[in-house]
Amino acid sequence: MSSKLLTKEELPHGFEYPSDFTRFVEMEIFYLEPWFLLREDRLRTRYQGMKQRYPKRLLVPFARREDNDDVACWDLATGSVSMVHDFASPGWESRGDRGFPDFAAWLHSAIDDMLEFR
């Protein structure tokens, strides 16, 4: 599993993946159309890109919506899951209407999206 996700050395100091997320990854559930979990090179590329695009934010991306540029991220400043419209200008990237307290709440929403997406 470690090669699929960011390593401890790559992650921001003090951040650890939540156990419910690592369990989900261990089950190899990566695709919930229209969402897919970021892993391996896609994850590393997105993480580095978001650090450059939004240097004032402490974000760890974990999923991307395939029909737009929305990315689900752990927001270390708030301790919650934030939705970021990637590639938007800094200050305009926040999807304030779609934040979640934790991975489980995001997952419920992603499953709803999957059921509606056709």
C-alpha atoms as a PDB file:
ATOM      1  CA  MET A   1       0.000   0.000   0.000  1.00  0.00           C
ATOM      2  CA  SER A   2       2.824   2.412   0.797  1.00  0.00           C
ATOM      3  CA  SER A   3       3.826   2.927  -2.841  1.00  0.00           C
ATOM      4  CA  LYS A   4       0.231   3.788  -3.743  1.00  0.00           C
ATOM      5  CA  LEU A   5       0.103   6.667  -1.257  1.00  0.00           C
ATOM      6  CA  LEU A   6       2.452   9.434  -0.225  1.00  0.00           C
ATOM      7  CA  THR A   7       5.150   8.234   2.141  1.00  0.00           C
ATOM      8  CA  LYS A   8       5.657   9.625   5.625  1.00  0.00           C
ATOM      9  CA  GLU A   9       8.610  11.598   4.254  1.00  0.00           C
ATOM     10  CA  GLU A  10       6.453  13.121   1.489  1.00  0.00           C
ATOM     11  CA  LEU A  11       3.531  14.037   3.749  1.00  0.00           C
ATOM     12  CA  PRO A  12       3.397  17.265   5.753  1.00  0.00           C
ATOM     13  CA  HIS A  13       4.944  16.911   9.211  1.00  0.00           C
ATOM     14  CA  GLY A  14       2.465  15.411  11.669  1.00  0.00           C
ATOM     15  CA  PHE A  15      -0.097  14.249   9.095  1.00  0.00           C
ATOM     16  CA  GLU A  16      -1.068  10.595   8.930  1.00  0.00           C
ATOM     17  CA  TYR A  17      -3.679   9.078   6.672  1.00  0.00           C
ATOM     18  CA  PRO A  18      -6.875   8.307   8.617  1.00  0.00           C
ATOM     19  CA  SER A  19      -7.376   4.603   9.286  1.00  0.00           C
ATOM     20  CA  ASP A  20     -10.746   4.477   7.492  1.00  0.00           C
ATOM     21  CA  PHE A  21      -9.037   5.816   4.358  1.00  0.00           C
ATOM     22  CA  THR A  22      -6.129   3.352   4.509  1.00  0.00           C
ATOM     23  CA  ARG A  23      -8.614   0.525   5.000  1.00  0.00           C
ATOM     24  CA  PHE A  24     -10.463   1.673   1.871  1.00  0.00           C
ATOM     25  CA  VAL A  25      -7.183   1.702  -0.081  1.00  0.00           C
ATOM     26  CA  GLU A  26      -6.264  -1.755   1.237  1.00  0.00           C
ATOM     27  CA  MET A  27      -9.589  -3.033  -0.144  1.00  0.00           C
ATOM     28  CA  GLU A  28      -8.449  -1.637  -3.520  1.00  0.00           C
ATOM     29  CA  ILE A  29     -11.586   0.401  -4.080  1.00  0.00           C
ATOM     30  CA  PHE A  30     -10.211   3.181  -6.225  1.00  0.00           C
ATOM     31  CA  TYR A  31     -13.084   4.151  -8.504  1.00  0.00           C
ATOM     32  CA  LEU A  32     -16.494   5.502  -7.511  1.00  0.00           C
ATOM     33  CA  GLU A  33     -17.622   7.107 -10.756  1.00  0.00           C
ATOM     34  CA  PRO A  34     -17.271  10.069 -11.148  1.00  0.00           C
ATOM     35  CA  TRP A  35     -14.642  10.038  -8.366  1.00  0.00           C
ATOM     36  CA  PHE A  36     -11.374   8.147  -8.322  1.00  0.00           C
ATOM     37  CA  LEU A  37      -8.802   7.916  -5.570  1.00  0.00           C
ATOM     38  CA  LEU A  38      -5.456   9.427  -6.441  1.00  0.00           C
ATOM     39  CA  ARG A  39      -2.534   7.059  -6.122  1.00  0.00           C
ATOM     40  CA  GLU A  40       1.014   6.492  -7.236  1.00  0.00           C
ATOM     41  CA  ASP A  41       2.293   8.974  -9.857  1.00  0.00           C
ATOM     42  CA  ARG A  42      -1.073  10.715 -10.276  1.00  0.00           C
ATOM     43  CA  LEU A  43      -1.167  11.424  -6.551  1.00  0.00           C
ATOM     44  CA  ARG A  44       2.407  12.672  -6.409  1.00  0.00           C
ATOM     45  CA  THR A  45       1.949  14.897  -9.467  1.00  0.00           C
ATOM     46  CA  ARG A  46      -1.298  16.385  -8.121  1.00  0.00           C
ATOM     47  CA  TYR A  47       0.166  16.912  -4.636  1.00  0.00           C
ATOM     48  CA  GLN A  48       3.250  18.716  -5.943  1.00  0.00           C
ATOM     49  CA  GLY A  49       1.167  20.761  -8.387  1.00  0.00           C
ATOM     50  CA  MET A  50      -1.299  21.870  -5.726  1.00  0.00           C
ATOM     51  CA  LYS A  51       1.562  22.856  -3.419  1.00  0.00           C
ATOM     52  CA  GLN A  52       2.832  25.143  -6.184  1.00  0.00           C
ATOM     53  CA  ARG A  53      -0.591  26.486  -7.207  1.00  0.00           C
ATOM     54  CA  TYR A  54      -1.806  27.096  -3.634  1.00  0.00           C
ATOM     55  CA  PRO A  55       1.324  27.701  -1.522  1.00  0.00           C
ATOM     56  CA  LYS A  56      -0.666  29.248   1.345  1.00  0.00           C
ATOM     57  CA  ARG A  57      -2.809  26.131   1.764  1.00  0.00           C
ATOM     58  CA  LEU A  58      -1.839  22.913   3.561  1.00  0.00           C
ATOM     59  CA  LEU A  59      -3.631  20.341   1.406  1.00  0.00           C
ATOM     60  CA  VAL A  60      -3.205  16.604   0.931  1.00  0.00           C
ATOM     61  CA  PRO A  61      -5.260  15.500  -2.087  1.00  0.00           C
ATOM     62  CA  PHE A  62      -6.805  12.040  -2.137  1.00  0.00           C
ATOM     63  CA  ALA A  63      -9.535  11.960  -4.808  1.00  0.00           C
ATOM     64  CA  ARG A  64     -10.426  13.691  -8.045  1.00  0.00           C
ATOM     65  CA  ARG A  65     -13.732  14.045  -9.839  1.00  0.00           C
ATOM     66  CA  GLU A  66     -13.327  13.008 -13.479  1.00  0.00           C
ATOM     67  CA  ASP A  67     -15.921  15.363 -14.995  1.00  0.00           C
ATOM     68  CA  ASN A  68     -14.392  18.572 -13.619  1.00  0.00           C
ATOM     69  CA  ASP A  69     -11.320  19.772 -11.724  1.00  0.00           C
ATOM     70  CA  ASP A  70     -12.669  19.180  -8.207  1.00  0.00           C
ATOM     71  CA  VAL A  71     -10.208  17.507  -5.863  1.00  0.00           C
ATOM     72  CA  ALA A  72     -11.010  16.216  -2.378  1.00  0.00           C
ATOM     73  CA  CYS A  73      -8.198  17.091   0.038  1.00  0.00           C
ATOM     74  CA  TRP A  74      -7.414  16.895   3.686  1.00  0.00           C
ATOM     75  CA  ASP A  75      -7.099  20.512   4.727  1.00  0.00           C
ATOM     76  CA  LEU A  76      -4.564  20.633   7.517  1.00  0.00           C
ATOM     77  CA  ALA A  77      -5.584  24.177   8.468  1.00  0.00           C
ATOM     78  CA  THR A  78      -9.154  23.111   9.274  1.00  0.00           C
ATOM     79  CA  GLY A  79      -8.709  19.425  10.079  1.00  0.00           C
ATOM     80  CA  SER A  80     -11.480  18.554   7.640  1.00  0.00           C
ATOM     81  CA  VAL A  81     -11.934  17.494   4.020  1.00  0.00           C
ATOM     82  CA  SER A  82     -12.054  20.445   1.651  1.00  0.00           C
ATOM     83  CA  MET A  83     -13.164  20.483  -1.945  1.00  0.00           C
ATOM     84  CA  VAL A  84     -10.752  22.391  -4.157  1.00  0.00           C
ATOM     85  CA  HIS A  85     -11.439  23.407  -7.730  1.00  0.00           C
ATOM     86  CA  ASP A  86      -7.906  22.774  -8.932  1.00  0.00           C
ATOM     87  CA  PHE A  87      -6.337  25.166 -11.441  1.00  0.00           C
ATOM     88  CA  ALA A  88      -8.546  28.047 -10.271  1.00  0.00           C
ATOM     89  CA  SER A  89      -6.706  31.210  -9.339  1.00  0.00           C
ATOM     90  CA  PRO A  90      -5.502  31.281  -5.719  1.00  0.00           C
ATOM     91  CA  GLY A  91      -8.309  32.573  -3.550  1.00  0.00           C
ATOM     92  CA  TRP A  92     -10.969  31.205  -5.923  1.00  0.00           C
ATOM     93  CA  GLU A  93     -10.173  27.506  -5.558  1.00  0.00           C
ATOM     94  CA  SER A  94     -12.282  26.833  -2.479  1.00  0.00           C
ATOM     95  CA  ARG A  95     -15.558  24.992  -2.990  1.00  0.00           C
ATOM     96  CA  GLY A  96     -16.969  26.256   0.306  1.00  0.00           C
ATOM     97  CA  ASP A  97     -20.339  24.662  -0.320  1.00  0.00           C
ATOM     98  CA  ARG A  98     -18.812  21.165  -0.393  1.00  0.00           C
ATOM     99  CA  GLY A  99     -16.685  20.536   2.656  1.00  0.00           C
ATOM    100  CA  PHE A 100     -16.856  17.520   4.949  1.00  0.00           C
ATOM    101  CA  PRO A 101     -15.834  16.855   8.552  1.00  0.00           C
ATOM    102  CA  ASP A 102     -13.948  13.657   7.647  1.00  0.00           C
ATOM    103  CA  PHE A 103     -13.304  10.955   5.049  1.00  0.00           C
ATOM    104  CA  ALA A 104     -16.437   8.993   5.969  1.00  0.00           C
ATOM    105  CA  ALA A 105     -18.675  12.006   5.302  1.00  0.00           C
ATOM    106  CA  TRP A 106     -16.920  12.614   1.977  1.00  0.00           C
ATOM    107  CA  LEU A 107     -17.338   8.922   1.084  1.00  0.00           C
ATOM    108  CA  HIS A 108     -21.098   9.082   1.706  1.00  0.00           C
ATOM    109  CA  SER A 109     -21.298  12.057  -0.645  1.00  0.00           C
ATOM    110  CA  ALA A 110     -19.121  10.310  -3.259  1.00  0.00           C
ATOM    111  CA  ILE A 111     -21.447   7.296  -3.179  1.00  0.00           C
ATOM    112  CA  ASP A 112     -24.424   9.624  -3.685  1.00  0.00           C
ATOM    113  CA  ASP A 113     -22.575  11.183  -6.633  1.00  0.00           C
ATOM    114  CA  MET A 114     -21.921   7.706  -8.041  1.00  0.00           C
ATOM    115  CA  LEU A 115     -25.602   6.791  -7.854  1.00  0.00           C
ATOM    116  CA  GLU A 116     -26.593  10.029  -9.591  1.00  0.00           C
ATOM    117  CA  PHE A 117     -23.848   9.962 -12.241  1.00  0.00           C
ATOM    118  CA  ARG A 118     -24.882   8.271 -15.463  1.00  0.00           C
END
